[in-house]
C-alpha atoms as a PDB file:
ATOM      1  CA  MET A   1      -2.695   3.708 -18.529  1.00  0.00           C
ATOM      2  CA  MET A   2      -5.924   2.939 -16.717  1.00  0.00           C
ATOM      3  CA  PRO A   3      -7.475   6.102 -15.224  1.00  0.00           C
ATOM      4  CA  LYS A   4      -7.999   6.143 -11.447  1.00  0.00           C
ATOM      5  CA  GLU A   5     -11.807   6.264 -11.822  1.00  0.00           C
ATOM      6  CA  GLU A   6     -11.753   3.154 -14.015  1.00  0.00           C
ATOM      7  CA  ALA A   7      -9.513   1.371 -11.490  1.00  0.00           C
ATOM      8  CA  LEU A   8     -11.906   2.206  -8.665  1.00  0.00           C
ATOM      9  CA  LYS A   9     -14.841   0.866 -10.693  1.00  0.00           C
ATOM     10  CA  LEU A  10     -12.919  -2.343 -11.425  1.00  0.00           C
ATOM     11  CA  ILE A  11     -12.061  -2.728  -7.733  1.00  0.00           C
ATOM     12  CA  ARG A  12     -15.760  -2.470  -6.827  1.00  0.00           C
ATOM     13  CA  ASP A  13     -16.450  -5.366  -9.219  1.00  0.00           C
ATOM     14  CA  TYR A  14     -14.080  -7.640  -7.278  1.00  0.00           C
ATOM     15  CA  VAL A  15     -13.872  -6.294  -3.723  1.00  0.00           C
ATOM     16  CA  LEU A  16     -16.933  -6.300  -1.481  1.00  0.00           C
ATOM     17  CA  LYS A  17     -15.502  -5.366   1.912  1.00  0.00           C
ATOM     18  CA  GLU A  18     -15.226  -1.625   2.345  1.00  0.00           C
ATOM     19  CA  ASN A  19     -12.206  -1.967   4.651  1.00  0.00           C
ATOM     20  CA  ASN A  20     -10.305  -3.787   1.898  1.00  0.00           C
ATOM     21  CA  ILE A  21     -11.113  -0.991  -0.544  1.00  0.00           C
ATOM     22  CA  LYS A  22      -9.992   1.588   2.020  1.00  0.00           C
ATOM     23  CA  HIS A  23      -6.720  -0.296   2.474  1.00  0.00           C
ATOM     24  CA  MET A  24      -6.100  -0.172  -1.267  1.00  0.00           C
ATOM     25  CA  VAL A  25      -6.868   3.568  -1.344  1.00  0.00           C
ATOM     26  CA  ALA A  26      -4.490   4.089   1.609  1.00  0.00           C
ATOM     27  CA  VAL A  27      -1.654   2.261  -0.155  1.00  0.00           C
ATOM     28  CA  SER A  28      -2.321   4.252  -3.323  1.00  0.00           C
ATOM     29  CA  GLY A  29      -2.044   7.477  -1.324  1.00  0.00           C
ATOM     30  CA  ILE A  30       1.355   6.483   0.037  1.00  0.00           C
ATOM     31  CA  MET A  31       2.540   5.265  -3.369  1.00  0.00           C
ATOM     32  CA  ARG A  32       1.439   8.512  -5.013  1.00  0.00           C
ATOM     33  CA  GLU A  33       3.316  10.595  -2.460  1.00  0.00           C
ATOM     34  CA  LEU A  34       6.402   8.373  -2.695  1.00  0.00           C
ATOM     35  CA  ALA A  35       6.483   8.636  -6.484  1.00  0.00           C
ATOM     36  CA  ALA A  36       6.223  12.417  -6.296  1.00  0.00           C
ATOM     37  CA  ARG A  37       9.086  12.589  -3.775  1.00  0.00           C
ATOM     38  CA  LEU A  38      11.290  10.163  -5.707  1.00  0.00           C
ATOM     39  CA  GLY A  39      10.634  11.688  -9.134  1.00  0.00           C
ATOM     40  CA  GLU A  40       8.813   8.597 -10.422  1.00  0.00           C
ATOM     41  CA  ASN A  41       5.620   8.167 -12.469  1.00  0.00           C
ATOM     42  CA  VAL A  42       2.926   9.284 -10.011  1.00  0.00           C
ATOM     43  CA  ALA A  43      -0.060   7.884 -11.929  1.00  0.00           C
ATOM     44  CA  GLU A  44       1.609   4.492 -12.387  1.00  0.00           C
ATOM     45  CA  TRP A  45       2.626   4.166  -8.736  1.00  0.00           C
ATOM     46  CA  GLU A  46      -0.809   5.275  -7.533  1.00  0.00           C
ATOM     47  CA  LEU A  47      -2.507   2.752  -9.847  1.00  0.00           C
ATOM     48  CA  VAL A  48      -0.365  -0.115  -8.541  1.00  0.00           C
ATOM     49  CA  GLY A  49      -1.257   0.865  -4.973  1.00  0.00           C
ATOM     50  CA  LEU A  50      -4.948   0.921  -5.856  1.00  0.00           C
ATOM     51  CA  LEU A  51      -5.018  -2.442  -7.612  1.00  0.00           C
ATOM     52  CA  HIS A  52      -2.538  -4.445  -5.522  1.00  0.00           C
ATOM     53  CA  ASP A  53      -5.165  -6.391  -3.520  1.00  0.00           C
ATOM     54  CA  ILE A  54      -7.930  -6.615  -6.142  1.00  0.00           C
ATOM     55  CA  ASP A  55      -7.971 -10.407  -5.786  1.00  0.00           C
ATOM     56  CA  PHE A  56      -7.690 -10.660  -2.013  1.00  0.00           C
ATOM     57  CA  GLU A  57     -11.309 -11.691  -1.435  1.00  0.00           C
ATOM     58  CA  ARG A  58     -11.180 -14.184  -4.324  1.00  0.00           C
ATOM     59  CA  CYS A  59      -8.122 -16.095  -3.175  1.00  0.00           C
ATOM     60  CA  ASN A  60      -8.005 -19.324  -1.186  1.00  0.00           C
ATOM     61  CA  GLY A  61      -5.174 -17.910   0.891  1.00  0.00           C
ATOM     62  CA  ILE A  62      -1.977 -15.952   0.664  1.00  0.00           C
ATOM     63  CA  GLU A  63      -0.443 -18.670  -1.538  1.00  0.00           C
ATOM     64  CA  ASP A  64      -2.520 -17.749  -4.608  1.00  0.00           C
ATOM     65  CA  HIS A  65      -2.819 -14.019  -3.837  1.00  0.00           C
ATOM     66  CA  THR A  66      -1.722 -11.953  -6.865  1.00  0.00           C
ATOM     67  CA  PHE A  67      -1.911 -14.985  -9.177  1.00  0.00           C
ATOM     68  CA  VAL A  68      -5.669 -14.339  -9.333  1.00  0.00           C
ATOM     69  CA  ALA A  69      -4.958 -10.591  -9.725  1.00  0.00           C
ATOM     70  CA  LYS A  70      -2.753 -11.397 -12.700  1.00  0.00           C
ATOM     71  CA  GLU A  71      -5.723 -13.028 -14.435  1.00  0.00           C
ATOM     72  CA  ILE A  72      -8.109 -10.194 -13.502  1.00  0.00           C
ATOM     73  CA  LEU A  73      -5.712  -7.489 -14.689  1.00  0.00           C
ATOM     74  CA  ARG A  74      -4.279  -9.162 -17.818  1.00  0.00           C
ATOM     75  CA  GLY A  75      -4.990  -6.910 -20.804  1.00  0.00           C
ATOM     76  CA  LYS A  76      -6.173  -4.074 -18.553  1.00  0.00           C
ATOM     77  CA  ILE A  77      -2.772  -2.862 -17.334  1.00  0.00           C
ATOM     78  CA  SER A  78       0.765  -3.521 -18.541  1.00  0.00           C
ATOM     79  CA  ASP A  79       2.524  -6.787 -17.773  1.00  0.00           C
ATOM     80  CA  HIS A  80       5.162  -4.698 -15.988  1.00  0.00           C
ATOM     81  CA  LEU A  81       2.580  -3.366 -13.500  1.00  0.00           C
ATOM     82  CA  ILE A  82       1.127  -6.844 -13.009  1.00  0.00           C
ATOM     83  CA  GLU A  83       4.627  -8.052 -12.132  1.00  0.00           C
ATOM     84  CA  VAL A  84       4.951  -5.185  -9.617  1.00  0.00           C
ATOM     85  CA  ILE A  85       1.698  -6.281  -7.958  1.00  0.00           C
ATOM     86  CA  MET A  86       2.884  -9.903  -7.869  1.00  0.00           C
ATOM     87  CA  ALA A  87       6.118  -8.807  -6.193  1.00  0.00           C
ATOM     88  CA  HIS A  88       4.267  -7.627  -3.079  1.00  0.00           C
ATOM     89  CA  ASN A  89       3.599 -11.323  -2.365  1.00  0.00           C
ATOM     90  CA  PHE A  90       7.143 -12.317  -3.344  1.00  0.00           C
ATOM     91  CA  GLU A  91       7.372 -15.092  -0.769  1.00  0.00           C
ATOM     92  CA  ASN A  92       4.720 -17.016  -2.716  1.00  0.00           C
ATOM     93  CA  THR A  93       5.072 -15.691  -6.269  1.00  0.00           C
ATOM     94  CA  LYS A  94       8.888 -15.771  -6.373  1.00  0.00           C
ATOM     95  CA  VAL A  95       8.723 -12.378  -8.160  1.00  0.00           C
ATOM     96  CA  PRO A  96      11.477 -10.476  -6.340  1.00  0.00           C
ATOM     97  CA  PRO A  97      11.026  -6.887  -5.175  1.00  0.00           C
ATOM     98  CA  ASP A  98      13.986  -5.838  -7.307  1.00  0.00           C
ATOM     99  CA  SER A  99      12.995  -2.343  -8.448  1.00  0.00           C
ATOM    100  CA  ALA A 100      12.035   0.896  -6.730  1.00  0.00           C
ATOM    101  CA  ILE A 101       8.318   0.541  -7.493  1.00  0.00           C
ATOM    102  CA  LYS A 102       8.235  -3.055  -6.220  1.00  0.00           C
ATOM    103  CA  LYS A 103      10.061  -2.191  -2.997  1.00  0.00           C
ATOM    104  CA  ALA A 104       7.821   0.846  -2.554  1.00  0.00           C
ATOM    105  CA  LEU A 105       4.676  -1.291  -2.859  1.00  0.00           C
ATOM    106  CA  VAL A 106       5.918  -3.852  -0.326  1.00  0.00           C
ATOM    107  CA  ALA A 107       6.895  -1.129   2.166  1.00  0.00           C
ATOM    108  CA  SER A 108       3.784   1.015   1.594  1.00  0.00           C
ATOM    109  CA  ASP A 109       1.440  -1.954   2.014  1.00  0.00           C
ATOM    110  CA  ALA A 110       2.888  -2.606   5.477  1.00  0.00           C
ATOM    111  CA  LEU A 111       3.164   1.060   6.496  1.00  0.00           C
ATOM    112  CA  SER A 112      -0.487   1.719   5.661  1.00  0.00           C
ATOM    113  CA  GLY A 113      -1.515  -0.894   8.235  1.00  0.00           C
ATOM    114  CA  LEU A 114       0.654   0.681  10.918  1.00  0.00           C
ATOM    115  CA  ILE A 115      -0.748   4.142  10.188  1.00  0.00           C
ATOM    116  CA  VAL A 116      -4.371   2.961  10.242  1.00  0.00           C
ATOM    117  CA  ALA A 117      -3.831   1.064  13.509  1.00  0.00           C
ATOM    118  CA  THR A 118      -2.217   4.158  15.019  1.00  0.00           C
ATOM    119  CA  ALA A 119      -5.064   6.403  13.865  1.00  0.00           C
ATOM    120  CA  LEU A 120      -7.598   4.075  15.463  1.00  0.00           C
ATOM    121  CA  VAL A 121      -6.008   4.452  18.904  1.00  0.00           C
ATOM    122  CA  MET A 122      -5.857   8.253  18.693  1.00  0.00           C
ATOM    123  CA  PRO A 123      -8.582  10.152  20.592  1.00  0.00           C
ATOM    124  CA  SER A 124      -9.999  11.611  17.362  1.00  0.00           C
ATOM    125  CA  LYS A 125      -9.360   8.442  15.318  1.00  0.00           C
ATOM    126  CA  LYS A 126      -7.933  10.728  12.619  1.00  0.00           C
ATOM    127  CA  ILE A 127      -4.684  10.466  10.660  1.00  0.00           C
ATOM    128  CA  ALA A 128      -4.230  14.234  10.970  1.00  0.00           C
ATOM    129  CA  GLU A 129      -3.564  13.768  14.679  1.00  0.00           C
ATOM    130  CA  ILE A 130      -0.658  11.342  14.189  1.00  0.00           C
ATOM    131  CA  LYS A 131       2.833  12.732  14.631  1.00  0.00           C
ATOM    132  CA  ARG A 132       5.936  10.987  13.350  1.00  0.00           C
ATOM    133  CA  GLU A 133       7.154  10.461  16.922  1.00  0.00           C
ATOM    134  CA  THR A 134       3.963   8.558  17.775  1.00  0.00           C
ATOM    135  CA  LEU A 135       4.341   6.404  14.687  1.00  0.00           C
ATOM    136  CA  ILE A 136       7.984   5.629  15.571  1.00  0.00           C
ATOM    137  CA  LYS A 137       6.908   4.538  19.085  1.00  0.00           C
ATOM    138  CA  LYS A 138       4.203   2.309  17.621  1.00  0.00           C
ATOM    139  CA  PHE A 139       6.713   0.896  15.117  1.00  0.00           C
ATOM    140  CA  LYS A 140       9.092  -0.010  17.959  1.00  0.00           C
ATOM    141  CA  SER A 141       6.309  -1.659  19.994  1.00  0.00           C
ATOM    142  CA  LYS A 142       6.379  -5.262  18.755  1.00  0.00           C
ATOM    143  CA  ASP A 143       2.946  -5.968  20.246  1.00  0.00           C
ATOM    144  CA  PHE A 144       1.248  -3.142  18.353  1.00  0.00           C
ATOM    145  CA  ALA A 145      -0.209  -3.864  14.895  1.00  0.00           C
ATOM    146  CA  ARG A 146       1.631  -7.183  14.607  1.00  0.00           C
ATOM    147  CA  GLY A 147       0.390  -7.645  11.051  1.00  0.00           C
ATOM    148  CA  ALA A 148       2.313  -4.561   9.909  1.00  0.00           C
ATOM    149  CA  SER A 149       5.663  -6.137   9.078  1.00  0.00           C
ATOM    150  CA  ARG A 150       8.470  -3.955  10.365  1.00  0.00           C
ATOM    151  CA  GLU A 151      10.879  -5.774   8.060  1.00  0.00           C
ATOM    152  CA  ARG A 152       8.778  -4.808   5.033  1.00  0.00           C
ATOM    153  CA  ILE A 153       8.481  -1.197   6.191  1.00  0.00           C
ATOM    154  CA  LEU A 154      12.270  -1.037   6.511  1.00  0.00           C
ATOM    155  CA  LEU A 155      12.594  -1.745   2.771  1.00  0.00           C
ATOM    156  CA  CYS A 156      12.306   2.046   2.564  1.00  0.00           C
ATOM    157  CA  SER A 157      16.060   2.157   3.163  1.00  0.00           C
ATOM    158  CA  GLU A 158      16.518   0.505  -0.246  1.00  0.00           C
ATOM    159  CA  LEU A 159      14.687   3.493  -1.726  1.00  0.00           C
ATOM    160  CA  GLY A 160      17.243   5.819  -0.146  1.00  0.00           C
ATOM    161  CA  LEU A 161      14.856   6.889   2.622  1.00  0.00           C
ATOM    162  CA  SER A 162      15.291   6.796   6.364  1.00  0.00           C
ATOM    163  CA  LEU A 163      12.455   5.301   8.398  1.00  0.00           C
ATOM    164  CA  GLU A 164      11.550   8.800   9.588  1.00  0.00           C
ATOM    165  CA  GLU A 165      11.411  10.172   6.022  1.00  0.00           C
ATOM    166  CA  PHE A 166       9.288   7.236   4.892  1.00  0.00           C
ATOM    167  CA  MET A 167       6.886   7.712   7.779  1.00  0.00           C
ATOM    168  CA  ASP A 168       6.542  11.417   6.950  1.00  0.00           C
ATOM    169  CA  ILE A 169       5.825  10.565   3.300  1.00  0.00           C
ATOM    170  CA  GLY A 170       3.366   7.842   4.327  1.00  0.00           C
ATOM    171  CA  LEU A 171       1.534  10.140   6.710  1.00  0.00           C
ATOM    172  CA  GLU A 172       1.357  12.898   4.097  1.00  0.00           C
ATOM    173  CA  GLY A 173       0.088  10.498   1.443  1.00  0.00           C
ATOM    174  CA  MET A 174      -2.583   9.076   3.717  1.00  0.00           C
ATOM    175  CA  LYS A 175      -3.652  12.514   4.937  1.00  0.00           C
ATOM    176  CA  LYS A 176      -4.447  13.357   1.310  1.00  0.00           C
ATOM    177  CA  VAL A 177      -6.880  10.418   1.100  1.00  0.00           C
ATOM    178  CA  ALA A 178      -8.063  10.557   4.733  1.00  0.00           C
ATOM    179  CA  ALA A 179     -11.594  11.640   3.769  1.00  0.00           C
ATOM    180  CA  GLU A 180     -11.939   8.555   1.535  1.00  0.00           C
ATOM    181  CA  LEU A 181     -10.684   6.422   4.422  1.00  0.00           C
ATOM    182  CA  GLY A 182     -12.971   7.967   7.032  1.00  0.00           C
ATOM    183  CA  LEU A 183      -9.867   8.690   9.093  1.00  0.00           C
END
């Protein structure tokens, strides 16, 4: 298993935009917290969250996203984890989100965007200030953070979690990496 420090170094070799790196760290924070709550492999879930967008700046568009990651990551992480990463772009890769870790990555990717957007409209611009109730209101507002797919976030139900539980887990996970995010 690739250590977190090695994954971060690899990310820096392929990702130039700091906001993209922060997004990957945010998703890894949620995935880590989810794995802990669900009794899954914490290091594996965190690693998938960290590496899931390693190719984003190298792709021609969403159509080849994760296919490039597959080439970057081949031989560095297991084929199973590469398949998990490919599943978060299932519409284009045809790799279905058919396991807990795959569903968690799809849902966490979307939830991280909603949490960041919510933090940025808070007076302090800090995740610590966000309450679940605020996040629920933002989730229900279709005009807020349109890029954060509500349908993808709701995959949490397939993990046996209510939306409220998932939001609590997501907030807790992102609070633990808030310093790295500057939020």
